Amino acid sequence: MLKIALTGCQAWTSQTISPPKAWSYSFPEDCRSLFSRWIHQINYHSDLIAKIPFESFESDTCRNSLAGLSTELNSGCGFAVLDHVPLK
């Protein structure tokens, strides 16, 4: 239950939410191994995805491809759909 009123992007409705392209992210192949160490923890604590330090990933591809993900989770609509996430 919310204890405060949401405003801005996080106060979306089906009529006001950004198009799916704004909150959909493809997971590049070379990022999967970097991300895989987080998978087990995220399966049990889904809120941890917002704390993954994408900006500290050594791969330029990972940083560039996922640059907006943290922003979307923390100050955008509050969720993101990830494609090609390694589940094991």
PDB file of N, CA and C in Angstrom:
ATOM      1  N   MET A   1       0.841  -1.174   0.000  1.00  0.00           N
ATOM      2  CA  MET A   1       0.000   0.000   0.000  1.00  0.00           C
ATOM      3  C   MET A   1       0.888   1.238   0.000  1.00  0.00           C
ATOM      4  N   LEU A   2       0.554   2.175  -0.857  1.00  0.00           N
ATOM      5  CA  LEU A   2       1.312   3.423  -0.927  1.00  0.00           C
ATOM      6  C   LEU A   2       1.025   4.293   0.285  1.00  0.00           C
ATOM      7  N   LYS A   3       2.064   4.918   0.787  1.00  0.00           N
ATOM      8  CA  LYS A   3       1.910   5.823   1.930  1.00  0.00           C
ATOM      9  C   LYS A   3       1.980   7.281   1.497  1.00  0.00           C
ATOM     10  N   ILE A   4       2.385   7.505   0.228  1.00  0.00           N
ATOM     11  CA  ILE A   4       2.438   8.852  -0.318  1.00  0.00           C
ATOM     12  C   ILE A   4       1.813   8.833  -1.708  1.00  0.00           C
ATOM     13  N   ALA A   5       1.339   9.964  -2.136  1.00  0.00           N
ATOM     14  CA  ALA A   5       0.782  10.075  -3.490  1.00  0.00           C
ATOM     15  C   ALA A   5       1.915  10.151  -4.500  1.00  0.00           C
ATOM     16  N   LEU A   6       1.814   9.369  -5.549  1.00  0.00           N
ATOM     17  CA  LEU A   6       2.810   9.414  -6.606  1.00  0.00           C
ATOM     18  C   LEU A   6       2.498  10.561  -7.552  1.00  0.00           C
ATOM     19  N   THR A   7       3.562  11.165  -8.058  1.00  0.00           N
ATOM     20  CA  THR A   7       3.413  12.229  -9.040  1.00  0.00           C
ATOM     21  C   THR A   7       4.383  11.963 -10.182  1.00  0.00           C
ATOM     22  N   GLY A   8       4.271  12.707 -11.228  1.00  0.00           N
ATOM     23  CA  GLY A   8       5.190  12.568 -12.346  1.00  0.00           C
ATOM     24  C   GLY A   8       5.017  11.252 -13.079  1.00  0.00           C
ATOM     25  N   CYS A   9       6.118  10.743 -13.638  1.00  0.00           N
ATOM     26  CA  CYS A   9       6.089   9.532 -14.464  1.00  0.00           C
ATOM     27  C   CYS A   9       5.578   8.303 -13.714  1.00  0.00           C
ATOM     28  N   GLN A  10       5.851   8.224 -12.424  1.00  0.00           N
ATOM     29  CA  GLN A  10       5.441   7.052 -11.664  1.00  0.00           C
ATOM     30  C   GLN A  10       3.945   7.026 -11.366  1.00  0.00           C
ATOM     31  N   ALA A  11       3.252   8.098 -11.641  1.00  0.00           N
ATOM     32  CA  ALA A  11       1.806   8.165 -11.426  1.00  0.00           C
ATOM     33  C   ALA A  11       1.051   7.855 -12.714  1.00  0.00           C
ATOM     34  N   TRP A  12       1.560   6.905 -13.483  1.00  0.00           N
ATOM     35  CA  TRP A  12       0.986   6.607 -14.790  1.00  0.00           C
ATOM     36  C   TRP A  12      -0.338   5.850 -14.676  1.00  0.00           C
ATOM     37  N   THR A  13      -1.108   5.968 -15.730  1.00  0.00           N
ATOM     38  CA  THR A  13      -2.313   5.162 -15.924  1.00  0.00           C
ATOM     39  C   THR A  13      -2.187   4.541 -17.311  1.00  0.00           C
ATOM     40  N   SER A  14      -3.129   3.698 -17.667  1.00  0.00           N
ATOM     41  CA  SER A  14      -3.056   3.080 -18.996  1.00  0.00           C
ATOM     42  C   SER A  14      -3.145   4.121 -20.111  1.00  0.00           C
ATOM     43  N   GLN A  15      -3.737   5.265 -19.833  1.00  0.00           N
ATOM     44  CA  GLN A  15      -3.838   6.315 -20.841  1.00  0.00           C
ATOM     45  C   GLN A  15      -2.592   7.202 -20.887  1.00  0.00           C
ATOM     46  N   THR A  16      -1.820   7.268 -19.813  1.00  0.00           N
ATOM     47  CA  THR A  16      -0.709   8.214 -19.764  1.00  0.00           C
ATOM     48  C   THR A  16       0.676   7.570 -19.797  1.00  0.00           C
ATOM     49  N   ILE A  17       0.759   6.262 -19.685  1.00  0.00           N
ATOM     50  CA  ILE A  17       2.072   5.611 -19.659  1.00  0.00           C
ATOM     51  C   ILE A  17       2.793   5.775 -20.996  1.00  0.00           C
ATOM     52  N   SER A  18       4.094   5.870 -20.927  1.00  0.00           N
ATOM     53  CA  SER A  18       4.918   5.978 -22.138  1.00  0.00           C
ATOM     54  C   SER A  18       4.735   4.732 -22.996  1.00  0.00           C
ATOM     55  N   PRO A  19       5.027   4.829 -24.288  1.00  0.00           N
ATOM     56  CA  PRO A  19       4.946   3.643 -25.158  1.00  0.00           C
ATOM     57  C   PRO A  19       5.946   2.571 -24.689  1.00  0.00           C
ATOM     58  N   PRO A  20       5.666   1.300 -24.974  1.00  0.00           N
ATOM     59  CA  PRO A  20       6.537   0.204 -24.528  1.00  0.00           C
ATOM     60  C   PRO A  20       8.013   0.389 -24.874  1.00  0.00           C
ATOM     61  N   LYS A  21       8.309   1.048 -25.961  1.00  0.00           N
ATOM     62  CA  LYS A  21       9.716   1.253 -26.337  1.00  0.00           C
ATOM     63  C   LYS A  21      10.476   2.008 -25.242  1.00  0.00           C
ATOM     64  N   ALA A  22       9.794   2.850 -24.492  1.00  0.00           N
ATOM     65  CA  ALA A  22      10.442   3.647 -23.443  1.00  0.00           C
ATOM     66  C   ALA A  22      10.855   2.804 -22.248  1.00  0.00           C
ATOM     67  N   TRP A  23      10.181   1.694 -21.998  1.00  0.00           N
ATOM     68  CA  TRP A  23      10.497   0.877 -20.829  1.00  0.00           C
ATOM     69  C   TRP A  23      10.856  -0.566 -21.168  1.00  0.00           C
ATOM     70  N   SER A  24      11.179  -0.812 -22.436  1.00  0.00           N
ATOM     71  CA  SER A  24      11.613  -2.137 -22.878  1.00  0.00           C
ATOM     72  C   SER A  24      13.098  -2.092 -23.212  1.00  0.00           C
ATOM     73  N   TYR A  25      13.829  -3.075 -22.729  1.00  0.00           N
ATOM     74  CA  TYR A  25      15.276  -3.111 -22.922  1.00  0.00           C
ATOM     75  C   TYR A  25      15.698  -4.482 -23.411  1.00  0.00           C
ATOM     76  N   SER A  26      16.544  -4.496 -24.426  1.00  0.00           N
ATOM     77  CA  SER A  26      17.104  -5.742 -24.922  1.00  0.00           C
ATOM     78  C   SER A  26      18.404  -6.003 -24.179  1.00  0.00           C
ATOM     79  N   PHE A  27      18.643  -7.217 -23.828  1.00  0.00           N
ATOM     80  CA  PHE A  27      19.822  -7.565 -23.058  1.00  0.00           C
ATOM     81  C   PHE A  27      20.885  -8.119 -23.993  1.00  0.00           C
ATOM     82  N   PRO A  28      21.936  -7.347 -24.305  1.00  0.00           N
ATOM     83  CA  PRO A  28      22.966  -7.784 -25.251  1.00  0.00           C
ATOM     84  C   PRO A  28      23.685  -9.044 -24.780  1.00  0.00           C
ATOM     85  N   GLU A  29      24.056  -9.872 -25.733  1.00  0.00           N
ATOM     86  CA  GLU A  29      24.721 -11.148 -25.438  1.00  0.00           C
ATOM     87  C   GLU A  29      25.949 -10.992 -24.543  1.00  0.00           C
ATOM     88  N   ASP A  30      26.802 -10.012 -24.821  1.00  0.00           N
ATOM     89  CA  ASP A  30      28.020  -9.898 -24.024  1.00  0.00           C
ATOM     90  C   ASP A  30      27.774  -9.341 -22.624  1.00  0.00           C
ATOM     91  N   CYS A  31      26.552  -8.953 -22.324  1.00  0.00           N
ATOM     92  CA  CYS A  31      26.223  -8.487 -20.970  1.00  0.00           C
ATOM     93  C   CYS A  31      25.711  -9.619 -20.085  1.00  0.00           C
ATOM     94  N   ARG A  32      25.333 -10.708 -20.696  1.00  0.00           N
ATOM     95  CA  ARG A  32      24.700 -11.785 -19.929  1.00  0.00           C
ATOM     96  C   ARG A  32      25.595 -12.352 -18.853  1.00  0.00           C
ATOM     97  N   SER A  33      26.870 -12.528 -19.138  1.00  0.00           N
ATOM     98  CA  SER A  33      27.755 -13.083 -18.111  1.00  0.00           C
ATOM     99  C   SER A  33      27.956 -12.095 -16.973  1.00  0.00           C
ATOM    100  N   LEU A  34      28.010 -10.801 -17.282  1.00  0.00           N
ATOM    101  CA  LEU A  34      28.135  -9.796 -16.236  1.00  0.00           C
ATOM    102  C   LEU A  34      26.898  -9.760 -15.353  1.00  0.00           C
ATOM    103  N   PHE A  35      25.766  -9.964 -15.976  1.00  0.00           N
ATOM    104  CA  PHE A  35      24.496  -9.894 -15.264  1.00  0.00           C
ATOM    105  C   PHE A  35      24.180 -11.178 -14.506  1.00  0.00           C
ATOM    106  N   SER A  36      24.738 -12.301 -14.941  1.00  0.00           N
ATOM    107  CA  SER A  36      24.349 -13.593 -14.396  1.00  0.00           C
ATOM    108  C   SER A  36      24.584 -13.722 -12.891  1.00  0.00           C
ATOM    109  N   ARG A  37      25.587 -13.038 -12.355  1.00  0.00           N
ATOM    110  CA  ARG A  37      25.827 -13.135 -10.905  1.00  0.00           C
ATOM    111  C   ARG A  37      24.707 -12.502 -10.086  1.00  0.00           C
ATOM    112  N   TRP A  38      23.933 -11.636 -10.722  1.00  0.00           N
ATOM    113  CA  TRP A  38      22.818 -10.984 -10.034  1.00  0.00           C
ATOM    114  C   TRP A  38      21.519 -11.783 -10.119  1.00  0.00           C
ATOM    115  N   ILE A  39      21.445 -12.701 -11.077  1.00  0.00           N
ATOM    116  CA  ILE A  39      20.189 -13.387 -11.360  1.00  0.00           C
ATOM    117  C   ILE A  39      19.622 -14.108 -10.145  1.00  0.00           C
ATOM    118  N   HIS A  40      20.432 -14.893  -9.470  1.00  0.00           N
ATOM    119  CA  HIS A  40      19.949 -15.660  -8.313  1.00  0.00           C
ATOM    120  C   HIS A  40      19.372 -14.720  -7.252  1.00  0.00           C
ATOM    121  N   GLN A  41      20.067 -13.661  -6.949  1.00  0.00           N
ATOM    122  CA  GLN A  41      19.595 -12.719  -5.934  1.00  0.00           C
ATOM    123  C   GLN A  41      18.304 -12.025  -6.364  1.00  0.00           C
ATOM    124  N   ILE A  42      18.214 -11.674  -7.645  1.00  0.00           N
ATOM    125  CA  ILE A  42      17.023 -10.982  -8.137  1.00  0.00           C
ATOM    126  C   ILE A  42      15.801 -11.893  -8.095  1.00  0.00           C
ATOM    127  N   ASN A  43      16.004 -13.190  -8.320  1.00  0.00           N
ATOM    128  CA  ASN A  43      14.880 -14.119  -8.255  1.00  0.00           C
ATOM    129  C   ASN A  43      14.212 -14.100  -6.884  1.00  0.00           C
ATOM    130  N   TYR A  44      14.970 -13.814  -5.845  1.00  0.00           N
ATOM    131  CA  TYR A  44      14.425 -13.805  -4.488  1.00  0.00           C
ATOM    132  C   TYR A  44      14.167 -12.399  -3.958  1.00  0.00           C
ATOM    133  N   HIS A  45      14.797 -11.415  -4.544  1.00  0.00           N
ATOM    134  CA  HIS A  45      14.649 -10.023  -4.093  1.00  0.00           C
ATOM    135  C   HIS A  45      14.554  -9.129  -5.323  1.00  0.00           C
ATOM    136  N   SER A  46      13.390  -9.071  -5.940  1.00  0.00           N
ATOM    137  CA  SER A  46      13.241  -8.372  -7.214  1.00  0.00           C
ATOM    138  C   SER A  46      13.577  -6.884  -7.124  1.00  0.00           C
ATOM    139  N   ASP A  47      13.524  -6.297  -5.952  1.00  0.00           N
ATOM    140  CA  ASP A  47      13.866  -4.885  -5.826  1.00  0.00           C
ATOM    141  C   ASP A  47      15.357  -4.625  -6.041  1.00  0.00           C
ATOM    142  N   LEU A  48      16.180  -5.668  -6.021  1.00  0.00           N
ATOM    143  CA  LEU A  48      17.620  -5.501  -6.213  1.00  0.00           C
ATOM    144  C   LEU A  48      17.990  -5.056  -7.617  1.00  0.00           C
ATOM    145  N   ILE A  49      17.116  -5.289  -8.583  1.00  0.00           N
ATOM    146  CA  ILE A  49      17.464  -4.911  -9.955  1.00  0.00           C
ATOM    147  C   ILE A  49      17.717  -3.410 -10.064  1.00  0.00           C
ATOM    148  N   ALA A  50      17.034  -2.623  -9.251  1.00  0.00           N
ATOM    149  CA  ALA A  50      17.245  -1.175  -9.274  1.00  0.00           C
ATOM    150  C   ALA A  50      18.598  -0.786  -8.686  1.00  0.00           C
ATOM    151  N   LYS A  51      19.248  -1.729  -7.990  1.00  0.00           N
ATOM    152  CA  LYS A  51      20.527  -1.435  -7.345  1.00  0.00           C
ATOM    153  C   LYS A  51      21.728  -1.990  -8.104  1.00  0.00           C
ATOM    154  N   ILE A  52      21.491  -2.669  -9.215  1.00  0.00           N
ATOM    155  CA  ILE A  52      22.607  -3.206  -9.996  1.00  0.00           C
ATOM    156  C   ILE A  52      23.400  -2.041 -10.572  1.00  0.00           C
ATOM    157  N   PRO A  53      24.711  -2.013 -10.350  1.00  0.00           N
ATOM    158  CA  PRO A  53      25.524  -0.879 -10.815  1.00  0.00           C
ATOM    159  C   PRO A  53      25.879  -0.981 -12.296  1.00  0.00           C
ATOM    160  N   PHE A  54      24.882  -0.821 -13.175  1.00  0.00           N
ATOM    161  CA  PHE A  54      25.125  -0.933 -14.612  1.00  0.00           C
ATOM    162  C   PHE A  54      26.238  -0.003 -15.073  1.00  0.00           C
ATOM    163  N   GLU A  55      26.301   1.184 -14.468  1.00  0.00           N
ATOM    164  CA  GLU A  55      27.318   2.151 -14.881  1.00  0.00           C
ATOM    165  C   GLU A  55      28.734   1.684 -14.570  1.00  0.00           C
ATOM    166  N   SER A  56      28.886   0.697 -13.693  1.00  0.00           N
ATOM    167  CA  SER A  56      30.221   0.200 -13.359  1.00  0.00           C
ATOM    168  C   SER A  56      30.629  -1.017 -14.197  1.00  0.00           C
ATOM    169  N   PHE A  57      29.745  -1.495 -15.063  1.00  0.00           N
ATOM    170  CA  PHE A  57      30.100  -2.617 -15.919  1.00  0.00           C
ATOM    171  C   PHE A  57      31.270  -2.216 -16.812  1.00  0.00           C
ATOM    172  N   GLU A  58      32.246  -3.100 -16.943  1.00  0.00           N
ATOM    173  CA  GLU A  58      33.431  -2.809 -17.742  1.00  0.00           C
ATOM    174  C   GLU A  58      33.117  -2.715 -19.233  1.00  0.00           C
ATOM    175  N   SER A  59      32.132  -3.425 -19.679  1.00  0.00           N
ATOM    176  CA  SER A  59      31.787  -3.453 -21.102  1.00  0.00           C
ATOM    177  C   SER A  59      31.056  -2.172 -21.510  1.00  0.00           C
ATOM    178  N   ASP A  60      31.609  -1.492 -22.513  1.00  0.00           N
ATOM    179  CA  ASP A  60      30.937  -0.307 -23.046  1.00  0.00           C
ATOM    180  C   ASP A  60      29.559  -0.659 -23.596  1.00  0.00           C
ATOM    181  N   THR A  61      29.463  -1.836 -24.212  1.00  0.00           N
ATOM    182  CA  THR A  61      28.188  -2.273 -24.773  1.00  0.00           C
ATOM    183  C   THR A  61      27.129  -2.359 -23.680  1.00  0.00           C
ATOM    184  N   CYS A  62      27.484  -2.945 -22.546  1.00  0.00           N
ATOM    185  CA  CYS A  62      26.521  -3.077 -21.449  1.00  0.00           C
ATOM    186  C   CYS A  62      26.112  -1.714 -20.908  1.00  0.00           C
ATOM    187  N   ARG A  63      27.088  -0.895 -20.641  1.00  0.00           N
ATOM    188  CA  ARG A  63      26.783   0.435 -20.102  1.00  0.00           C
ATOM    189  C   ARG A  63      25.905   1.227 -21.072  1.00  0.00           C
ATOM    190  N   ASN A  64      26.263   1.221 -22.325  1.00  0.00           N
ATOM    191  CA  ASN A  64      25.515   1.998 -23.314  1.00  0.00           C
ATOM    192  C   ASN A  64      24.125   1.423 -23.573  1.00  0.00           C
ATOM    193  N   SER A  65      24.022   0.108 -23.646  1.00  0.00           N
ATOM    194  CA  SER A  65      22.736  -0.530 -23.940  1.00  0.00           C
ATOM    195  C   SER A  65      21.745  -0.392 -22.794  1.00  0.00           C
ATOM    196  N   LEU A  66      22.252  -0.364 -21.595  1.00  0.00           N
ATOM    197  CA  LEU A  66      21.366  -0.341 -20.428  1.00  0.00           C
ATOM    198  C   LEU A  66      21.404   0.989 -19.680  1.00  0.00           C
ATOM    199  N   ALA A  67      21.910   2.014 -20.331  1.00  0.00           N
ATOM    200  CA  ALA A  67      22.078   3.314 -19.681  1.00  0.00           C
ATOM    201  C   ALA A  67      20.774   3.854 -19.090  1.00  0.00           C
ATOM    202  N   GLY A  68      19.682   3.667 -19.796  1.00  0.00           N
ATOM    203  CA  GLY A  68      18.421   4.220 -19.312  1.00  0.00           C
ATOM    204  C   GLY A  68      17.661   3.342 -18.337  1.00  0.00           C
ATOM    205  N   LEU A  69      18.104   2.100 -18.158  1.00  0.00           N
ATOM    206  CA  LEU A  69      17.352   1.173 -17.318  1.00  0.00           C
ATOM    207  C   LEU A  69      17.255   1.646 -15.873  1.00  0.00           C
ATOM    208  N   SER A  70      18.354   1.996 -15.285  1.00  0.00           N
ATOM    209  CA  SER A  70      18.347   2.455 -13.893  1.00  0.00           C
ATOM    210  C   SER A  70      17.494   3.711 -13.739  1.00  0.00           C
ATOM    211  N   THR A  71      17.604   4.611 -14.688  1.00  0.00           N
ATOM    212  CA  THR A  71      16.802   5.837 -14.649  1.00  0.00           C
ATOM    213  C   THR A  71      15.317   5.513 -14.729  1.00  0.00           C
ATOM    214  N   GLU A  72      14.954   4.597 -15.619  1.00  0.00           N
ATOM    215  CA  GLU A  72      13.547   4.222 -15.775  1.00  0.00           C
ATOM    216  C   GLU A  72      12.995   3.613 -14.490  1.00  0.00           C
ATOM    217  N   LEU A  73      13.794   2.776 -13.839  1.00  0.00           N
ATOM    218  CA  LEU A  73      13.348   2.133 -12.608  1.00  0.00           C
ATOM    219  C   LEU A  73      13.220   3.123 -11.457  1.00  0.00           C
ATOM    220  N   ASN A  74      14.164   4.030 -11.367  1.00  0.00           N
ATOM    221  CA  ASN A  74      14.208   4.928 -10.212  1.00  0.00           C
ATOM    222  C   ASN A  74      13.431   6.229 -10.377  1.00  0.00           C
ATOM    223  N   SER A  75      13.347   6.742 -11.594  1.00  0.00           N
ATOM    224  CA  SER A  75      12.642   8.013 -11.748  1.00  0.00           C
ATOM    225  C   SER A  75      11.711   8.044 -12.951  1.00  0.00           C
ATOM    226  N   GLY A  76      11.594   6.915 -13.643  1.00  0.00           N
ATOM    227  CA  GLY A  76      10.657   6.820 -14.763  1.00  0.00           C
ATOM    228  C   GLY A  76       9.363   6.188 -14.287  1.00  0.00           C
ATOM    229  N   CYS A  77       8.846   5.270 -15.080  1.00  0.00           N
ATOM    230  CA  CYS A  77       7.562   4.645 -14.729  1.00  0.00           C
ATOM    231  C   CYS A  77       7.685   3.652 -13.573  1.00  0.00           C
ATOM    232  N   GLY A  78       8.919   3.274 -13.203  1.00  0.00           N
ATOM    233  CA  GLY A  78       9.106   2.397 -12.042  1.00  0.00           C
ATOM    234  C   GLY A  78       9.236   0.928 -12.374  1.00  0.00           C
ATOM    235  N   PHE A  79       9.189   0.585 -13.647  1.00  0.00           N
ATOM    236  CA  PHE A  79       9.392  -0.805 -14.046  1.00  0.00           C
ATOM    237  C   PHE A  79      10.031  -0.826 -15.421  1.00  0.00           C
ATOM    238  N   ALA A  80      10.542  -1.984 -15.784  1.00  0.00           N
ATOM    239  CA  ALA A  80      11.127  -2.163 -17.109  1.00  0.00           C
ATOM    240  C   ALA A  80      10.931  -3.612 -17.522  1.00  0.00           C
ATOM    241  N   VAL A  81      10.818  -3.821 -18.810  1.00  0.00           N
ATOM    242  CA  VAL A  81      10.725  -5.166 -19.356  1.00  0.00           C
ATOM    243  C   VAL A  81      12.060  -5.466 -20.013  1.00  0.00           C
ATOM    244  N   LEU A  82      12.721  -6.538 -19.552  1.00  0.00           N
ATOM    245  CA  LEU A  82      14.026  -6.932 -20.086  1.00  0.00           C
ATOM    246  C   LEU A  82      13.860  -8.128 -20.998  1.00  0.00           C
ATOM    247  N   ASP A  83      14.440  -8.048 -22.167  1.00  0.00           N
ATOM    248  CA  ASP A  83      14.416  -9.131 -23.132  1.00  0.00           C
ATOM    249  C   ASP A  83      15.760  -9.836 -23.092  1.00  0.00           C
ATOM    250  N   HIS A  84      15.763 -11.137 -23.221  1.00  0.00           N
ATOM    251  CA  HIS A  84      16.967 -11.952 -23.261  1.00  0.00           C
ATOM    252  C   HIS A  84      17.752 -11.933 -21.945  1.00  0.00           C
ATOM    253  N   VAL A  85      17.072 -11.950 -20.837  1.00  0.00           N
ATOM    254  CA  VAL A  85      17.751 -12.009 -19.545  1.00  0.00           C
ATOM    255  C   VAL A  85      18.071 -13.475 -19.246  1.00  0.00           C
ATOM    256  N   PRO A  86      19.325 -13.778 -18.877  1.00  0.00           N
ATOM    257  CA  PRO A  86      19.657 -15.150 -18.517  1.00  0.00           C
ATOM    258  C   PRO A  86      18.992 -15.526 -17.200  1.00  0.00           C
ATOM    259  N   LEU A  87      18.253 -16.626 -17.197  1.00  0.00           N
ATOM    260  CA  LEU A  87      17.505 -16.995 -16.005  1.00  0.00           C
ATOM    261  C   LEU A  87      18.214 -18.002 -15.126  1.00  0.00           C
ATOM    262  N   LYS A  88      19.318 -18.557 -15.581  1.00  0.00           N
ATOM    263  CA  LYS A  88      20.062 -19.525 -14.776  1.00  0.00           C
ATOM    264  C   LYS A  88      21.509 -19.173 -14.741  1.00  0.00           C
TER     265      LYS A  88
END
